[in-house]
C-alpha atoms as a PDB file:
ATOM      1  CA  MET A   1      23.023 -29.373 -72.159  1.00  0.00           C
ATOM      2  CA  LYS A   2      23.573 -31.504 -69.075  1.00  0.00           C
ATOM      3  CA  ARG A   3      20.888 -33.959 -70.179  1.00  0.00           C
ATOM      4  CA  LYS A   4      22.786 -34.613 -73.395  1.00  0.00           C
ATOM      5  CA  THR A   5      25.994 -34.922 -71.390  1.00  0.00           C
ATOM      6  CA  LYS A   6      24.349 -37.557 -69.192  1.00  0.00           C
ATOM      7  CA  THR A   7      23.304 -39.432 -72.317  1.00  0.00           C
ATOM      8  CA  GLY A   8      26.847 -39.192 -73.670  1.00  0.00           C
ATOM      9  CA  ILE A   9      28.332 -40.477 -70.417  1.00  0.00           C
ATOM     10  CA  LYS A  10      25.856 -43.375 -70.443  1.00  0.00           C
ATOM     11  CA  MET A  11      26.784 -44.274 -74.029  1.00  0.00           C
ATOM     12  CA  LEU A  12      30.517 -44.067 -73.274  1.00  0.00           C
ATOM     13  CA  THR A  13      30.013 -46.256 -70.200  1.00  0.00           C
ATOM     14  CA  GLN A  14      28.313 -48.872 -72.381  1.00  0.00           C
ATOM     15  CA  LEU A  15      31.261 -48.696 -74.750  1.00  0.00           C
ATOM     16  CA  VAL A  16      33.764 -49.020 -71.873  1.00  0.00           C
ATOM     17  CA  GLU A  17      32.018 -52.217 -70.774  1.00  0.00           C
ATOM     18  CA  LYS A  18      32.596 -53.698 -74.235  1.00  0.00           C
ATOM     19  CA  LEU A  19      36.227 -52.628 -74.573  1.00  0.00           C
ATOM     20  CA  PRO A  20      39.010 -55.184 -74.324  1.00  0.00           C
ATOM     21  CA  SER A  21      40.699 -55.276 -70.952  1.00  0.00           C
ATOM     22  CA  GLU A  22      44.425 -55.011 -70.477  1.00  0.00           C
ATOM     23  CA  ASN A  23      44.482 -58.541 -68.977  1.00  0.00           C
ATOM     24  CA  GLY A  24      45.736 -60.553 -71.898  1.00  0.00           C
ATOM     25  CA  GLU A  25      43.747 -58.742 -74.552  1.00  0.00           C
ATOM     26  CA  LYS A  26      45.273 -56.099 -76.739  1.00  0.00           C
ATOM     27  CA  VAL A  27      44.274 -52.577 -75.725  1.00  0.00           C
ATOM     28  CA  ASP A  28      43.267 -50.718 -78.854  1.00  0.00           C
ATOM     29  CA  TYR A  29      43.524 -47.082 -79.867  1.00  0.00           C
ATOM     30  CA  ILE A  30      39.965 -46.197 -78.841  1.00  0.00           C
ATOM     31  CA  SER A  31      40.133 -47.450 -75.235  1.00  0.00           C
ATOM     32  CA  PRO A  32      42.127 -44.561 -73.720  1.00  0.00           C
ATOM     33  CA  LEU A  33      40.144 -42.017 -75.739  1.00  0.00           C
ATOM     34  CA  THR A  34      36.860 -43.408 -74.453  1.00  0.00           C
ATOM     35  CA  PHE A  35      37.974 -42.801 -70.877  1.00  0.00           C
ATOM     36  CA  LEU A  36      39.199 -39.298 -71.785  1.00  0.00           C
ATOM     37  CA  TYR A  37      35.890 -38.306 -73.354  1.00  0.00           C
ATOM     38  CA  ARG A  38      33.904 -39.747 -70.472  1.00  0.00           C
ATOM     39  CA  ALA A  39      36.148 -37.879 -68.024  1.00  0.00           C
ATOM     40  CA  TYR A  40      35.331 -34.637 -69.802  1.00  0.00           C
ATOM     41  CA  GLY A  41      31.615 -35.439 -69.525  1.00  0.00           C
ATOM     42  CA  HIS A  42      32.032 -36.014 -65.795  1.00  0.00           C
ATOM     43  CA  ILE A  43      33.714 -32.610 -65.485  1.00  0.00           C
ATOM     44  CA  VAL A  44      30.744 -30.962 -67.198  1.00  0.00           C
ATOM     45  CA  MET A  45      28.487 -32.747 -64.702  1.00  0.00           C
ATOM     46  CA  GLU A  46      30.776 -31.580 -61.863  1.00  0.00           C
ATOM     47  CA  GLU A  47      31.576 -35.210 -60.952  1.00  0.00           C
ATOM     48  CA  TYR A  48      35.274 -34.604 -60.379  1.00  0.00           C
ATOM     49  CA  ASP A  49      36.055 -37.875 -58.580  1.00  0.00           C
ATOM     50  CA  LYS A  50      34.659 -39.917 -61.461  1.00  0.00           C
ATOM     51  CA  ALA A  51      36.515 -37.751 -63.968  1.00  0.00           C
ATOM     52  CA  LEU A  52      39.827 -38.208 -62.162  1.00  0.00           C
ATOM     53  CA  LYS A  53      39.326 -41.989 -62.090  1.00  0.00           C
ATOM     54  CA  ASP A  54      38.785 -41.955 -65.842  1.00  0.00           C
ATOM     55  CA  TYR A  55      41.891 -39.815 -66.395  1.00  0.00           C
ATOM     56  CA  LEU A  56      43.922 -42.281 -64.330  1.00  0.00           C
ATOM     57  CA  LYS A  57      42.503 -45.249 -66.261  1.00  0.00           C
ATOM     58  CA  SER A  58      43.229 -43.573 -69.586  1.00  0.00           C
ATOM     59  CA  ASN A  59      46.770 -42.793 -68.455  1.00  0.00           C
ATOM     60  CA  GLN A  60      47.286 -46.436 -67.438  1.00  0.00           C
ATOM     61  CA  LEU A  61      46.296 -47.575 -70.918  1.00  0.00           C
ATOM     62  CA  LYS A  62      48.301 -44.926 -72.739  1.00  0.00           C
ATOM     63  CA  LYS A  63      50.209 -41.924 -71.432  1.00  0.00           C
ATOM     64  CA  LEU A  64      48.012 -38.833 -71.528  1.00  0.00           C
ATOM     65  CA  ASN A  65      48.783 -36.341 -74.256  1.00  0.00           C
ATOM     66  CA  ALA A  66      49.366 -32.685 -73.336  1.00  0.00           C
ATOM     67  CA  ALA A  67      45.675 -31.757 -73.663  1.00  0.00           C
ATOM     68  CA  GLY A  68      44.556 -34.706 -71.531  1.00  0.00           C
ATOM     69  CA  TYR A  69      47.106 -33.854 -68.858  1.00  0.00           C
ATOM     70  CA  TYR A  70      45.967 -30.213 -68.950  1.00  0.00           C
ATOM     71  CA  ASP A  71      42.332 -31.258 -68.463  1.00  0.00           C
ATOM     72  CA  GLN A  72      43.355 -33.561 -65.615  1.00  0.00           C
ATOM     73  CA  LEU A  73      45.123 -30.647 -63.899  1.00  0.00           C
ATOM     74  CA  LEU A  74      42.033 -28.447 -64.255  1.00  0.00           C
ATOM     75  CA  CYS A  75      39.840 -31.239 -62.901  1.00  0.00           C
ATOM     76  CA  SER A  76      42.160 -31.752 -59.926  1.00  0.00           C
ATOM     77  CA  GLY A  77      42.032 -28.020 -59.236  1.00  0.00           C
ATOM     78  CA  LEU A  78      38.249 -27.939 -59.451  1.00  0.00           C
ATOM     79  CA  LYS A  79      38.013 -30.884 -57.060  1.00  0.00           C
ATOM     80  CA  ALA A  80      40.341 -29.082 -54.642  1.00  0.00           C
ATOM     81  CA  CYS A  81      38.135 -25.970 -54.864  1.00  0.00           C
ATOM     82  CA  GLU A  82      35.066 -28.067 -54.188  1.00  0.00           C
ATOM     83  CA  ASN A  83      36.799 -29.355 -51.031  1.00  0.00           C
ATOM     84  CA  LYS A  84      37.822 -25.782 -50.094  1.00  0.00           C
ATOM     85  CA  GLU A  85      41.505 -26.702 -50.500  1.00  0.00           C
ATOM     86  CA  PHE A  86      42.334 -23.454 -52.269  1.00  0.00           C
ATOM     87  CA  GLU A  87      46.127 -23.624 -51.914  1.00  0.00           C
ATOM     88  CA  THR A  88      46.115 -27.018 -53.620  1.00  0.00           C
ATOM     89  CA  ALA A  89      43.773 -25.700 -56.305  1.00  0.00           C
ATOM     90  CA  ILE A  90      46.076 -22.747 -56.978  1.00  0.00           C
ATOM     91  CA  SER A  91      48.952 -25.177 -57.459  1.00  0.00           C
ATOM     92  CA  PHE A  92      47.016 -27.275 -59.998  1.00  0.00           C
ATOM     93  CA  PHE A  93      45.815 -24.205 -61.910  1.00  0.00           C
ATOM     94  CA  SER A  94      49.376 -22.813 -61.988  1.00  0.00           C
ATOM     95  CA  LYS A  95      50.637 -26.075 -63.500  1.00  0.00           C
ATOM     96  CA  ALA A  96      47.847 -25.984 -66.097  1.00  0.00           C
ATOM     97  CA  GLN A  97      48.748 -22.367 -66.845  1.00  0.00           C
ATOM     98  CA  GLN A  98      52.335 -23.411 -67.572  1.00  0.00           C
ATOM     99  CA  LYS A  99      51.197 -26.291 -69.776  1.00  0.00           C
ATOM    100  CA  PHE A 100      49.075 -24.080 -72.062  1.00  0.00           C
ATOM    101  CA  PRO A 101      49.868 -20.412 -71.340  1.00  0.00           C
ATOM    102  CA  GLY A 102      47.516 -19.241 -74.107  1.00  0.00           C
ATOM    103  CA  ASN A 103      44.392 -20.689 -72.463  1.00  0.00           C
ATOM    104  CA  ARG A 104      42.594 -18.304 -70.140  1.00  0.00           C
ATOM    105  CA  ASP A 105      40.717 -20.865 -68.021  1.00  0.00           C
ATOM    106  CA  PRO A 106      43.548 -21.634 -65.583  1.00  0.00           C
ATOM    107  CA  TYR A 107      44.204 -17.893 -65.093  1.00  0.00           C
ATOM    108  CA  TYR A 108      40.563 -17.291 -64.233  1.00  0.00           C
ATOM    109  CA  LEU A 109      40.269 -20.341 -61.988  1.00  0.00           C
ATOM    110  CA  ARG A 110      43.535 -19.479 -60.240  1.00  0.00           C
ATOM    111  CA  ALA A 111      42.302 -15.917 -59.608  1.00  0.00           C
ATOM    112  CA  VAL A 112      39.011 -17.178 -58.176  1.00  0.00           C
ATOM    113  CA  SER A 113      40.922 -19.601 -55.931  1.00  0.00           C
ATOM    114  CA  LEU A 114      43.228 -16.809 -54.733  1.00  0.00           C
ATOM    115  CA  VAL A 115      40.254 -14.624 -53.805  1.00  0.00           C
ATOM    116  CA  LYS A 116      38.489 -17.463 -51.989  1.00  0.00           C
ATOM    117  CA  PHE A 117      41.716 -18.377 -50.217  1.00  0.00           C
ATOM    118  CA  ALA A 118      42.133 -14.768 -49.058  1.00  0.00           C
ATOM    119  CA  LEU A 119      38.590 -14.646 -47.649  1.00  0.00           C
END
């Protein structure tokens, strides 16, 4: 699975290099989506810094939709967990929980962060 994700990230990176820049050229519909999809690939690869950079770039080009913002919150929480900043992670997962209360991922990740914080 991760090998195919690496291939996908590589292909999206090649596409990003060919996209028009925001300096004078018109930014098209696909540009922000390309960064969103690559960000998701970076999350799968547990490359949270790279994912967050792509979320920020996508947001600069076009405001993130609710799902993109939700994924950015989860990524920020995962990065905080990785850095053992569990209080910060809990905050990000709580915000994600509020954004999409029907999704179970932020509940699970928040619970794991609470347990690790308590230890």
